[in-house]
Amino acid sequence: MKEKQPAAPSVQHGVRLVPAYFLPGTGQPPVREDCPVIEEAMLTIDVESVGWYTLMWTPTASLHEVLGFSRDQGVLGATDDPEVLSLTAGFLFTEGLICSLKDLRRMEMCGNDPGIVRVQLVDPASVSPRRRNVTMGSACGICGGREAVDNLVAGLVAVADTARLRSAQFDGLMAAMRRLQTVFTQTGGAHAAAVFDRNAQIIAVAEDLGRHNALDKVIGKCLLKDVDLSGCGVLLSSRLSLEMITKAIRAGFEIIAAVSAPTSLAIEIAERFGVTLGGFVRGGRVTIYSQPQRIAELAGQVDGGCSRYQS
């Protein structure tokens, strides 16, 4: 067996090197090498007087320079892009625990444990969480029947109808997101979410082992930076599931596009709340499942059926 001795790879936060055996399968001997794998860590969001939420996530940035956030002072610490606070704020927002940063009194890192963020809401008594005191895996979705779906969409409002896009722009946006997926490039194990503006320019991106976390991170990043999301859309590296759609609708995204397929409930809810849903964005192709009027080549289409377009 050969010992592979490459130059030590440069790894970033969120990536770990582990010893493994590579079997080429071409009659060549096995090779022992250090392989980059995505980090899976535990984060507990402890919301005072509400409950705790434990997530499995990937920290792709240092936690040491992050202190917290206060409503009066904003982000505290040596970094203006605190990923862990972005995930926390985004999660609180998409869970319906806050409607804006005005509902947050403070977020602070636990001094003894960087895997805990303590949160104080301005008015915790007004919050009616759909779940609390739970541990959620990296692929966590919803459980239950139609009642669970109704609870998930409660409080959602239809998005605006101002964004317009040409079909060819989907491929360019996906390519731009892919270039920014540094953890995926090294490990092949990360999901991504990217926000694009009405000019089809990416303005925020996030990666994580969990697709829900990636979306929460990028939404939280926009919240903390006070980004105006009017006319914006979001790109996803995952399939289009119901909970991903409801998170995006809560943020007001008018267009949601992904490299993979949607589910039937995702299409139903996207149509109901006025969202343009695009799947299978790859190789110059895209399939539009709802609200086609935002796509230049489909303007005027109102039949509600899916439309496949190849640029």
C-alpha atoms as a PDB file:
ATOM      1  CA  MET A   1       0.000   0.000   0.000  1.00  0.00           C
ATOM      2  CA  LYS A   2       1.286   3.421  -0.924  1.00  0.00           C
ATOM      3  CA  GLU A   3       1.501   6.356   1.430  1.00  0.00           C
ATOM      4  CA  LYS A   4       0.368   9.426  -0.433  1.00  0.00           C
ATOM      5  CA  GLN A   5       2.434  12.453   0.539  1.00  0.00           C
ATOM      6  CA  PRO A   6       0.815  15.510  -1.024  1.00  0.00           C
ATOM      7  CA  ALA A   7       1.487  19.025   0.075  1.00  0.00           C
ATOM      8  CA  ALA A   8      -0.498  19.758   3.201  1.00  0.00           C
ATOM      9  CA  PRO A   9      -3.829  21.141   2.006  1.00  0.00           C
ATOM     10  CA  SER A  10      -5.011  24.502   3.242  1.00  0.00           C
ATOM     11  CA  VAL A  11      -8.193  23.926   5.174  1.00  0.00           C
ATOM     12  CA  GLN A  12     -10.629  26.499   6.471  1.00  0.00           C
ATOM     13  CA  HIS A  13     -13.009  26.670   9.390  1.00  0.00           C
ATOM     14  CA  GLY A  14     -15.672  24.023   8.975  1.00  0.00           C
ATOM     15  CA  VAL A  15     -13.261  21.513   7.430  1.00  0.00           C
ATOM     16  CA  ARG A  16     -11.272  18.810   9.194  1.00  0.00           C
ATOM     17  CA  LEU A  17      -8.626  16.444   7.892  1.00  0.00           C
ATOM     18  CA  VAL A  18      -9.125  12.777   8.729  1.00  0.00           C
ATOM     19  CA  PRO A  19      -7.037   9.771   7.684  1.00  0.00           C
ATOM     20  CA  ALA A  20      -8.728   7.539   5.121  1.00  0.00           C
ATOM     21  CA  TYR A  21      -7.947   4.916   2.489  1.00  0.00           C
ATOM     22  CA  PHE A  22      -8.595   5.697  -1.152  1.00  0.00           C
ATOM     23  CA  LEU A  23      -9.228   2.682  -3.403  1.00  0.00           C
ATOM     24  CA  PRO A  24      -8.884   3.789  -7.055  1.00  0.00           C
ATOM     25  CA  GLY A  25     -10.696   0.715  -8.378  1.00  0.00           C
ATOM     26  CA  THR A  26      -8.433   0.545 -11.426  1.00  0.00           C
ATOM     27  CA  GLY A  27      -6.115  -2.203 -10.256  1.00  0.00           C
ATOM     28  CA  GLN A  28      -3.966   0.344  -8.461  1.00  0.00           C
ATOM     29  CA  PRO A  29      -3.010  -0.222  -4.811  1.00  0.00           C
ATOM     30  CA  PRO A  30      -4.928   1.556  -2.022  1.00  0.00           C
ATOM     31  CA  VAL A  31      -3.607   4.946  -0.987  1.00  0.00           C
ATOM     32  CA  ARG A  32      -3.717   6.269   2.548  1.00  0.00           C
ATOM     33  CA  GLU A  33      -4.345   9.999   2.644  1.00  0.00           C
ATOM     34  CA  ASP A  34      -5.708  12.785   4.774  1.00  0.00           C
ATOM     35  CA  CYS A  35      -9.167  13.654   3.503  1.00  0.00           C
ATOM     36  CA  PRO A  36     -10.999  16.932   4.153  1.00  0.00           C
ATOM     37  CA  VAL A  37     -14.443  16.353   5.670  1.00  0.00           C
ATOM     38  CA  ILE A  38     -17.100  18.808   6.769  1.00  0.00           C
ATOM     39  CA  GLU A  39     -17.287  19.573  10.471  1.00  0.00           C
ATOM     40  CA  GLU A  40     -20.450  18.713  12.380  1.00  0.00           C
ATOM     41  CA  ALA A  41     -20.839  20.554  15.673  1.00  0.00           C
ATOM     42  CA  MET A  42     -23.590  21.201  18.188  1.00  0.00           C
ATOM     43  CA  LEU A  43     -25.137  24.616  18.792  1.00  0.00           C
ATOM     44  CA  THR A  44     -27.763  25.289  21.451  1.00  0.00           C
ATOM     45  CA  ILE A  45     -29.879  28.429  21.144  1.00  0.00           C
ATOM     46  CA  ASP A  46     -31.250  29.089  24.637  1.00  0.00           C
ATOM     47  CA  VAL A  47     -34.166  31.536  24.444  1.00  0.00           C
ATOM     48  CA  GLU A  48     -35.004  32.866  27.887  1.00  0.00           C
ATOM     49  CA  SER A  49     -38.614  32.168  28.985  1.00  0.00           C
ATOM     50  CA  VAL A  50     -39.301  30.334  25.698  1.00  0.00           C
ATOM     51  CA  GLY A  51     -37.142  27.216  25.408  1.00  0.00           C
ATOM     52  CA  TRP A  52     -33.967  25.792  23.911  1.00  0.00           C
ATOM     53  CA  TYR A  53     -33.154  24.564  20.422  1.00  0.00           C
ATOM     54  CA  THR A  54     -30.127  22.398  19.679  1.00  0.00           C
ATOM     55  CA  LEU A  55     -28.920  22.310  16.083  1.00  0.00           C
ATOM     56  CA  MET A  56     -26.228  20.294  14.350  1.00  0.00           C
ATOM     57  CA  TRP A  57     -24.309  22.804  12.269  1.00  0.00           C
ATOM     58  CA  THR A  58     -21.025  23.674  10.569  1.00  0.00           C
ATOM     59  CA  PRO A  59     -19.084  26.685  11.878  1.00  0.00           C
ATOM     60  CA  THR A  60     -17.305  28.001   8.780  1.00  0.00           C
ATOM     61  CA  ALA A  61     -15.852  31.006  10.612  1.00  0.00           C
ATOM     62  CA  SER A  62     -14.059  31.523  13.915  1.00  0.00           C
ATOM     63  CA  LEU A  63     -16.183  31.833  17.054  1.00  0.00           C
ATOM     64  CA  HIS A  64     -13.462  33.484  19.134  1.00  0.00           C
ATOM     65  CA  GLU A  65     -14.076  37.047  17.957  1.00  0.00           C
ATOM     66  CA  VAL A  66     -17.845  36.889  18.470  1.00  0.00           C
ATOM     67  CA  LEU A  67     -19.297  38.342  21.670  1.00  0.00           C
ATOM     68  CA  GLY A  68     -22.949  38.892  20.893  1.00  0.00           C
ATOM     69  CA  PHE A  69     -25.580  41.367  19.779  1.00  0.00           C
ATOM     70  CA  SER A  70     -27.630  43.966  21.577  1.00  0.00           C
ATOM     71  CA  ARG A  71     -30.558  45.962  20.279  1.00  0.00           C
ATOM     72  CA  ASP A  72     -28.860  49.220  21.286  1.00  0.00           C
ATOM     73  CA  GLN A  73     -25.291  48.489  20.130  1.00  0.00           C
ATOM     74  CA  GLY A  74     -25.699  45.984  17.317  1.00  0.00           C
ATOM     75  CA  VAL A  75     -23.054  43.287  16.755  1.00  0.00           C
ATOM     76  CA  LEU A  76     -20.475  43.069  19.534  1.00  0.00           C
ATOM     77  CA  GLY A  77     -16.980  41.715  18.977  1.00  0.00           C
ATOM     78  CA  ALA A  78     -14.106  41.961  16.529  1.00  0.00           C
ATOM     79  CA  THR A  79     -15.993  40.720  13.470  1.00  0.00           C
ATOM     80  CA  ASP A  80     -18.812  42.382  11.552  1.00  0.00           C
ATOM     81  CA  ASP A  81     -19.905  39.056  10.029  1.00  0.00           C
ATOM     82  CA  PRO A  82     -20.588  36.756  12.999  1.00  0.00           C
ATOM     83  CA  GLU A  83     -21.788  33.518  11.419  1.00  0.00           C
ATOM     84  CA  VAL A  84     -23.056  31.979  14.658  1.00  0.00           C
ATOM     85  CA  LEU A  85     -25.221  35.035  15.327  1.00  0.00           C
ATOM     86  CA  SER A  86     -26.437  34.996  11.725  1.00  0.00           C
ATOM     87  CA  LEU A  87     -27.618  31.419  12.198  1.00  0.00           C
ATOM     88  CA  THR A  88     -29.223  32.281  15.538  1.00  0.00           C
ATOM     89  CA  ALA A  89     -31.032  35.360  14.214  1.00  0.00           C
ATOM     90  CA  GLY A  90     -32.104  33.577  11.040  1.00  0.00           C
ATOM     91  CA  PHE A  91     -33.395  30.585  12.990  1.00  0.00           C
ATOM     92  CA  LEU A  92     -35.365  32.788  15.385  1.00  0.00           C
ATOM     93  CA  PHE A  93     -36.827  34.652  12.408  1.00  0.00           C
ATOM     94  CA  THR A  94     -37.826  31.625  10.339  1.00  0.00           C
ATOM     95  CA  GLU A  95     -39.248  29.916  13.440  1.00  0.00           C
ATOM     96  CA  GLY A  96     -41.484  32.959  13.943  1.00  0.00           C
ATOM     97  CA  LEU A  97     -39.955  33.839  17.320  1.00  0.00           C
ATOM     98  CA  ILE A  98     -39.002  37.289  16.026  1.00  0.00           C
ATOM     99  CA  CYS A  99     -40.305  39.429  13.173  1.00  0.00           C
ATOM    100  CA  SER A 100     -37.247  41.708  13.061  1.00  0.00           C
ATOM    101  CA  LEU A 101     -34.193  42.579  15.120  1.00  0.00           C
ATOM    102  CA  LYS A 102     -36.390  44.993  17.070  1.00  0.00           C
ATOM    103  CA  ASP A 103     -37.828  41.929  18.817  1.00  0.00           C
ATOM    104  CA  LEU A 104     -34.365  40.905  20.061  1.00  0.00           C
ATOM    105  CA  ARG A 105     -33.063  42.393  23.288  1.00  0.00           C
ATOM    106  CA  ARG A 106     -29.739  40.565  23.070  1.00  0.00           C
ATOM    107  CA  MET A 107     -27.843  37.516  21.882  1.00  0.00           C
ATOM    108  CA  GLU A 108     -24.666  36.557  23.700  1.00  0.00           C
ATOM    109  CA  MET A 109     -22.123  33.784  23.514  1.00  0.00           C
ATOM    110  CA  CYS A 110     -21.808  31.627  26.606  1.00  0.00           C
ATOM    111  CA  GLY A 111     -18.390  32.397  28.087  1.00  0.00           C
ATOM    112  CA  ASN A 112     -17.770  28.822  29.193  1.00  0.00           C
ATOM    113  CA  ASP A 113     -19.142  27.086  26.100  1.00  0.00           C
ATOM    114  CA  PRO A 114     -18.894  28.509  22.555  1.00  0.00           C
ATOM    115  CA  GLY A 115     -21.597  26.029  21.535  1.00  0.00           C
ATOM    116  CA  ILE A 116     -24.305  27.956  23.412  1.00  0.00           C
ATOM    117  CA  VAL A 117     -25.943  31.246  22.440  1.00  0.00           C
ATOM    118  CA  ARG A 118     -28.190  32.829  25.051  1.00  0.00           C
ATOM    119  CA  VAL A 119     -31.066  34.927  23.721  1.00  0.00           C
ATOM    120  CA  GLN A 120     -33.363  37.448  25.362  1.00  0.00           C
ATOM    121  CA  LEU A 121     -36.466  38.617  23.517  1.00  0.00           C
ATOM    122  CA  VAL A 122     -38.090  41.985  24.096  1.00  0.00           C
ATOM    123  CA  ASP A 123     -41.475  40.372  24.821  1.00  0.00           C
ATOM    124  CA  PRO A 124     -41.186  36.602  25.261  1.00  0.00           C
ATOM    125  CA  ALA A 125     -44.747  36.385  26.591  1.00  0.00           C
ATOM    126  CA  SER A 126     -46.075  37.327  23.148  1.00  0.00           C
ATOM    127  CA  VAL A 127     -44.323  34.399  21.435  1.00  0.00           C
ATOM    128  CA  SER A 128     -46.219  31.235  20.536  1.00  0.00           C
ATOM    129  CA  PRO A 129     -43.526  28.808  19.334  1.00  0.00           C
ATOM    130  CA  ARG A 130     -44.619  25.838  17.255  1.00  0.00           C
ATOM    131  CA  ARG A 131     -41.899  23.779  18.969  1.00  0.00           C
ATOM    132  CA  ARG A 132     -39.494  24.187  21.864  1.00  0.00           C
ATOM    133  CA  ASN A 133     -36.877  22.248  23.841  1.00  0.00           C
ATOM    134  CA  VAL A 134     -35.902  20.145  20.828  1.00  0.00           C
ATOM    135  CA  THR A 135     -32.757  18.724  19.270  1.00  0.00           C
ATOM    136  CA  MET A 136     -32.782  18.961  15.492  1.00  0.00           C
ATOM    137  CA  GLY A 137     -30.535  17.095  13.095  1.00  0.00           C
ATOM    138  CA  SER A 138     -28.877  18.598  10.044  1.00  0.00           C
ATOM    139  CA  ALA A 139     -31.758  17.443   7.819  1.00  0.00           C
ATOM    140  CA  CYS A 140     -34.495  18.458  10.235  1.00  0.00           C
ATOM    141  CA  GLY A 141     -37.888  19.155   8.741  1.00  0.00           C
ATOM    142  CA  ILE A 142     -41.423  19.019  10.066  1.00  0.00           C
ATOM    143  CA  CYS A 143     -43.247  16.059  11.507  1.00  0.00           C
ATOM    144  CA  GLY A 144     -46.984  15.507  11.583  1.00  0.00           C
ATOM    145  CA  GLY A 145     -49.951  15.723   9.232  1.00  0.00           C
ATOM    146  CA  ARG A 146     -51.905  18.575   7.715  1.00  0.00           C
ATOM    147  CA  GLU A 147     -52.153  20.299  11.088  1.00  0.00           C
ATOM    148  CA  ALA A 148     -48.354  20.571  11.164  1.00  0.00           C
ATOM    149  CA  VAL A 149     -48.422  22.130   7.701  1.00  0.00           C
ATOM    150  CA  ASP A 150     -51.087  24.634   8.776  1.00  0.00           C
ATOM    151  CA  ASN A 151     -48.999  25.566  11.816  1.00  0.00           C
ATOM    152  CA  LEU A 152     -45.952  26.025   9.621  1.00  0.00           C
ATOM    153  CA  VAL A 153     -47.625  28.489   7.240  1.00  0.00           C
ATOM    154  CA  ALA A 154     -49.523  30.361   9.946  1.00  0.00           C
ATOM    155  CA  GLY A 155     -48.643  34.043   9.809  1.00  0.00           C
ATOM    156  CA  LEU A 156     -47.163  33.938   6.317  1.00  0.00           C
ATOM    157  CA  VAL A 157     -48.236  36.636   3.871  1.00  0.00           C
ATOM    158  CA  ALA A 158     -48.034  36.701   0.083  1.00  0.00           C
ATOM    159  CA  VAL A 159     -44.779  38.088  -1.265  1.00  0.00           C
ATOM    160  CA  ALA A 160     -44.564  41.159  -3.495  1.00  0.00           C
ATOM    161  CA  ASP A 161     -44.445  40.899  -7.291  1.00  0.00           C
ATOM    162  CA  THR A 162     -41.603  43.150  -8.394  1.00  0.00           C
ATOM    163  CA  ALA A 163     -38.735  40.808  -9.334  1.00  0.00           C
ATOM    164  CA  ARG A 164     -38.133  39.906 -12.965  1.00  0.00           C
ATOM    165  CA  LEU A 165     -35.545  37.497 -14.352  1.00  0.00           C
ATOM    166  CA  ARG A 166     -34.539  35.992 -17.689  1.00  0.00           C
ATOM    167  CA  SER A 167     -34.171  32.234 -17.742  1.00  0.00           C
ATOM    168  CA  ALA A 168     -30.506  32.449 -18.784  1.00  0.00           C
ATOM    169  CA  GLN A 169     -29.711  34.342 -15.582  1.00  0.00           C
ATOM    170  CA  PHE A 170     -30.476  31.307 -13.417  1.00  0.00           C
ATOM    171  CA  ASP A 171     -27.431  29.451 -14.700  1.00  0.00           C
ATOM    172  CA  GLY A 172     -25.165  32.440 -14.157  1.00  0.00           C
ATOM    173  CA  LEU A 173     -26.428  32.863 -10.610  1.00  0.00           C
ATOM    174  CA  MET A 174     -25.906  29.182  -9.814  1.00  0.00           C
ATOM    175  CA  ALA A 175     -22.383  29.331 -11.219  1.00  0.00           C
ATOM    176  CA  ALA A 176     -21.645  32.393  -9.089  1.00  0.00           C
ATOM    177  CA  MET A 177     -22.922  30.641  -5.958  1.00  0.00           C
ATOM    178  CA  ARG A 178     -20.884  27.551  -6.775  1.00  0.00           C
ATOM    179  CA  ARG A 179     -17.697  29.649  -6.955  1.00  0.00           C
ATOM    180  CA  LEU A 180     -18.388  30.883  -3.428  1.00  0.00           C
ATOM    181  CA  GLN A 181     -18.921  27.384  -1.972  1.00  0.00           C
ATOM    182  CA  THR A 182     -15.462  26.980  -0.494  1.00  0.00           C
ATOM    183  CA  VAL A 183     -16.435  24.317   2.057  1.00  0.00           C
ATOM    184  CA  PHE A 184     -18.176  22.259  -0.621  1.00  0.00           C
ATOM    185  CA  THR A 185     -15.138  22.579  -2.861  1.00  0.00           C
ATOM    186  CA  GLN A 186     -12.940  21.002  -0.190  1.00  0.00           C
ATOM    187  CA  THR A 187     -15.354  18.413   1.222  1.00  0.00           C
ATOM    188  CA  GLY A 188     -18.247  17.820  -1.186  1.00  0.00           C
ATOM    189  CA  GLY A 189     -20.436  17.802   1.931  1.00  0.00           C
ATOM    190  CA  ALA A 190     -21.912  21.298   2.287  1.00  0.00           C
ATOM    191  CA  HIS A 191     -25.204  22.846   1.243  1.00  0.00           C
ATOM    192  CA  ALA A 192     -25.394  26.487   0.234  1.00  0.00           C
ATOM    193  CA  ALA A 193     -27.932  29.292   0.078  1.00  0.00           C
ATOM    194  CA  ALA A 194     -27.372  32.603  -1.689  1.00  0.00           C
ATOM    195  CA  VAL A 195     -29.486  35.760  -1.849  1.00  0.00           C
ATOM    196  CA  PHE A 196     -29.588  37.665  -5.142  1.00  0.00           C
ATOM    197  CA  ASP A 197     -30.990  41.136  -5.770  1.00  0.00           C
ATOM    198  CA  ARG A 198     -33.261  42.505  -8.481  1.00  0.00           C
ATOM    199  CA  ASN A 199     -30.172  43.016 -10.677  1.00  0.00           C
ATOM    200  CA  ALA A 200     -29.350  39.286 -10.513  1.00  0.00           C
ATOM    201  CA  GLN A 201     -26.284  39.903  -8.348  1.00  0.00           C
ATOM    202  CA  ILE A 202     -25.482  37.714  -5.338  1.00  0.00           C
ATOM    203  CA  ILE A 203     -25.399  39.811  -2.163  1.00  0.00           C
ATOM    204  CA  ALA A 204     -25.027  37.135   0.532  1.00  0.00           C
ATOM    205  CA  VAL A 205     -24.078  33.461   0.682  1.00  0.00           C
ATOM    206  CA  ALA A 206     -23.771  30.829   3.407  1.00  0.00           C
ATOM    207  CA  GLU A 207     -22.744  27.181   3.658  1.00  0.00           C
ATOM    208  CA  ASP A 208     -23.571  24.482   6.172  1.00  0.00           C
ATOM    209  CA  LEU A 209     -23.915  20.710   6.370  1.00  0.00           C
ATOM    210  CA  GLY A 210     -27.671  21.281   6.790  1.00  0.00           C
ATOM    211  CA  ARG A 211     -29.740  22.906   4.062  1.00  0.00           C
ATOM    212  CA  HIS A 212     -32.051  24.503   6.651  1.00  0.00           C
ATOM    213  CA  ASN A 213     -29.064  25.993   8.468  1.00  0.00           C
ATOM    214  CA  ALA A 214     -27.590  27.400   5.256  1.00  0.00           C
ATOM    215  CA  LEU A 215     -30.846  29.209   4.537  1.00  0.00           C
ATOM    216  CA  ASP A 216     -31.211  30.437   8.130  1.00  0.00           C
ATOM    217  CA  LYS A 217     -27.599  31.690   8.062  1.00  0.00           C
ATOM    218  CA  VAL A 218     -28.037  33.733   4.904  1.00  0.00           C
ATOM    219  CA  ILE A 219     -31.347  35.194   6.106  1.00  0.00           C
ATOM    220  CA  GLY A 220     -29.783  36.045   9.467  1.00  0.00           C
ATOM    221  CA  LYS A 221     -26.792  37.631   7.739  1.00  0.00           C
ATOM    222  CA  CYS A 222     -29.152  39.925   5.847  1.00  0.00           C
ATOM    223  CA  LEU A 223     -31.020  40.760   9.053  1.00  0.00           C
ATOM    224  CA  LEU A 224     -27.841  41.689  10.932  1.00  0.00           C
ATOM    225  CA  LYS A 225     -26.605  43.820   8.028  1.00  0.00           C
ATOM    226  CA  ASP A 226     -30.035  45.443   7.571  1.00  0.00           C
ATOM    227  CA  VAL A 227     -30.209  44.385   3.914  1.00  0.00           C
ATOM    228  CA  ASP A 228     -33.328  45.454   2.025  1.00  0.00           C
ATOM    229  CA  LEU A 229     -34.709  42.206   0.573  1.00  0.00           C
ATOM    230  CA  SER A 230     -37.289  43.891  -1.659  1.00  0.00           C
ATOM    231  CA  GLY A 231     -37.280  42.247  -5.081  1.00  0.00           C
ATOM    232  CA  CYS A 232     -34.755  39.620  -3.980  1.00  0.00           C
ATOM    233  CA  GLY A 233     -34.647  35.883  -4.545  1.00  0.00           C
ATOM    234  CA  VAL A 234     -32.736  32.970  -3.089  1.00  0.00           C
ATOM    235  CA  LEU A 235     -30.723  30.099  -4.586  1.00  0.00           C
ATOM    236  CA  LEU A 236     -30.486  26.698  -2.916  1.00  0.00           C
ATOM    237  CA  SER A 237     -28.158  23.772  -3.492  1.00  0.00           C
ATOM    238  CA  SER A 238     -30.770  21.363  -2.146  1.00  0.00           C
ATOM    239  CA  ARG A 239     -34.176  20.070  -3.050  1.00  0.00           C
ATOM    240  CA  LEU A 240     -37.158  22.379  -2.569  1.00  0.00           C
ATOM    241  CA  SER A 241     -38.998  21.044   0.468  1.00  0.00           C
ATOM    242  CA  LEU A 242     -41.946  22.599   2.255  1.00  0.00           C
ATOM    243  CA  GLU A 243     -40.015  23.961   5.213  1.00  0.00           C
ATOM    244  CA  MET A 244     -37.370  25.524   2.976  1.00  0.00           C
ATOM    245  CA  ILE A 245     -40.127  27.296   1.062  1.00  0.00           C
ATOM    246  CA  THR A 246     -41.846  28.610   4.186  1.00  0.00           C
ATOM    247  CA  LYS A 247     -38.552  29.958   5.531  1.00  0.00           C
ATOM    248  CA  ALA A 248     -37.948  31.768   2.242  1.00  0.00           C
ATOM    249  CA  ILE A 249     -41.506  33.138   2.118  1.00  0.00           C
ATOM    250  CA  ARG A 250     -41.165  34.475   5.665  1.00  0.00           C
ATOM    251  CA  ALA A 251     -38.130  36.450   4.453  1.00  0.00           C
ATOM    252  CA  GLY A 252     -40.136  37.794   1.504  1.00  0.00           C
ATOM    253  CA  PHE A 253     -38.154  36.189  -1.331  1.00  0.00           C
ATOM    254  CA  GLU A 254     -40.085  36.401  -4.596  1.00  0.00           C
ATOM    255  CA  ILE A 255     -38.068  33.796  -6.510  1.00  0.00           C
ATOM    256  CA  ILE A 256     -36.720  30.536  -5.085  1.00  0.00           C
ATOM    257  CA  ALA A 257     -34.504  28.411  -7.322  1.00  0.00           C
ATOM    258  CA  ALA A 258     -32.624  25.183  -6.686  1.00  0.00           C
ATOM    259  CA  VAL A 259     -30.480  22.641  -8.480  1.00  0.00           C
ATOM    260  CA  SER A 260     -32.825  19.840  -7.477  1.00  0.00           C
ATOM    261  CA  ALA A 261     -36.533  19.008  -7.417  1.00  0.00           C
ATOM    262  CA  PRO A 262     -39.459  20.462  -5.461  1.00  0.00           C
ATOM    263  CA  THR A 263     -42.036  18.508  -3.489  1.00  0.00           C
ATOM    264  CA  SER A 264     -45.757  18.713  -4.166  1.00  0.00           C
ATOM    265  CA  LEU A 265     -46.423  20.657  -0.955  1.00  0.00           C
ATOM    266  CA  ALA A 266     -43.608  23.073  -1.735  1.00  0.00           C
ATOM    267  CA  ILE A 267     -45.234  23.859  -5.100  1.00  0.00           C
ATOM    268  CA  GLU A 268     -48.669  24.215  -3.490  1.00  0.00           C
ATOM    269  CA  ILE A 269     -47.448  26.663  -0.854  1.00  0.00           C
ATOM    270  CA  ALA A 270     -45.296  28.627  -3.326  1.00  0.00           C
ATOM    271  CA  GLU A 271     -48.317  29.115  -5.590  1.00  0.00           C
ATOM    272  CA  ARG A 272     -50.525  30.050  -2.651  1.00  0.00           C
ATOM    273  CA  PHE A 273     -48.159  32.781  -1.424  1.00  0.00           C
ATOM    274  CA  GLY A 274     -47.167  34.135  -4.824  1.00  0.00           C
ATOM    275  CA  VAL A 275     -43.631  32.738  -5.119  1.00  0.00           C
ATOM    276  CA  THR A 276     -41.933  31.794  -8.387  1.00  0.00           C
ATOM    277  CA  LEU A 277     -40.434  28.353  -7.860  1.00  0.00           C
ATOM    278  CA  GLY A 278     -37.664  27.077 -10.143  1.00  0.00           C
ATOM    279  CA  GLY A 279     -36.124  23.613  -9.982  1.00  0.00           C
ATOM    280  CA  PHE A 280     -33.468  21.610 -11.824  1.00  0.00           C
ATOM    281  CA  VAL A 281     -31.374  24.699 -12.548  1.00  0.00           C
ATOM    282  CA  ARG A 282     -28.479  23.109 -14.397  1.00  0.00           C
ATOM    283  CA  GLY A 283     -26.954  22.942 -17.847  1.00  0.00           C
ATOM    284  CA  GLY A 284     -28.780  26.043 -19.074  1.00  0.00           C
ATOM    285  CA  ARG A 285     -32.172  24.587 -18.103  1.00  0.00           C
ATOM    286  CA  VAL A 286     -34.764  25.465 -15.484  1.00  0.00           C
ATOM    287  CA  THR A 287     -38.274  24.219 -14.718  1.00  0.00           C
ATOM    288  CA  ILE A 288     -40.736  26.802 -13.382  1.00  0.00           C
ATOM    289  CA  TYR A 289     -43.501  25.336 -11.212  1.00  0.00           C
ATOM    290  CA  SER A 290     -45.416  28.383  -9.959  1.00  0.00           C
ATOM    291  CA  GLN A 291     -46.024  32.075 -10.616  1.00  0.00           C
ATOM    292  CA  PRO A 292     -44.276  32.163 -14.048  1.00  0.00           C
ATOM    293  CA  GLN A 293     -44.956  35.858 -14.667  1.00  0.00           C
ATOM    294  CA  ARG A 294     -41.616  36.878 -13.142  1.00  0.00           C
ATOM    295  CA  ILE A 295     -39.686  35.043 -15.861  1.00  0.00           C
ATOM    296  CA  ALA A 296     -39.349  37.121 -19.031  1.00  0.00           C
ATOM    297  CA  GLU A 297     -39.969  34.239 -21.448  1.00  0.00           C
ATOM    298  CA  LEU A 298     -43.107  33.195 -19.524  1.00  0.00           C
ATOM    299  CA  ALA A 299     -44.742  36.570 -18.914  1.00  0.00           C
ATOM    300  CA  GLY A 300     -48.474  36.224 -19.424  1.00  0.00           C
ATOM    301  CA  GLN A 301     -48.564  32.496 -18.619  1.00  0.00           C
ATOM    302  CA  VAL A 302     -51.360  31.928 -16.098  1.00  0.00           C
ATOM    303  CA  ASP A 303     -52.239  28.266 -16.547  1.00  0.00           C
ATOM    304  CA  GLY A 304     -50.404  27.247 -13.387  1.00  0.00           C
ATOM    305  CA  GLY A 305     -48.647  24.276 -15.006  1.00  0.00           C
ATOM    306  CA  CYS A 306     -44.907  23.750 -14.860  1.00  0.00           C
ATOM    307  CA  SER A 307     -42.827  25.231 -17.671  1.00  0.00           C
ATOM    308  CA  ARG A 308     -39.458  23.917 -18.800  1.00  0.00           C
ATOM    309  CA  TYR A 309     -37.072  26.346 -20.407  1.00  0.00           C
ATOM    310  CA  GLN A 310     -33.612  25.877 -21.876  1.00  0.00           C
ATOM    311  CA  SER A 311     -31.504  28.883 -22.663  1.00  0.00           C
END
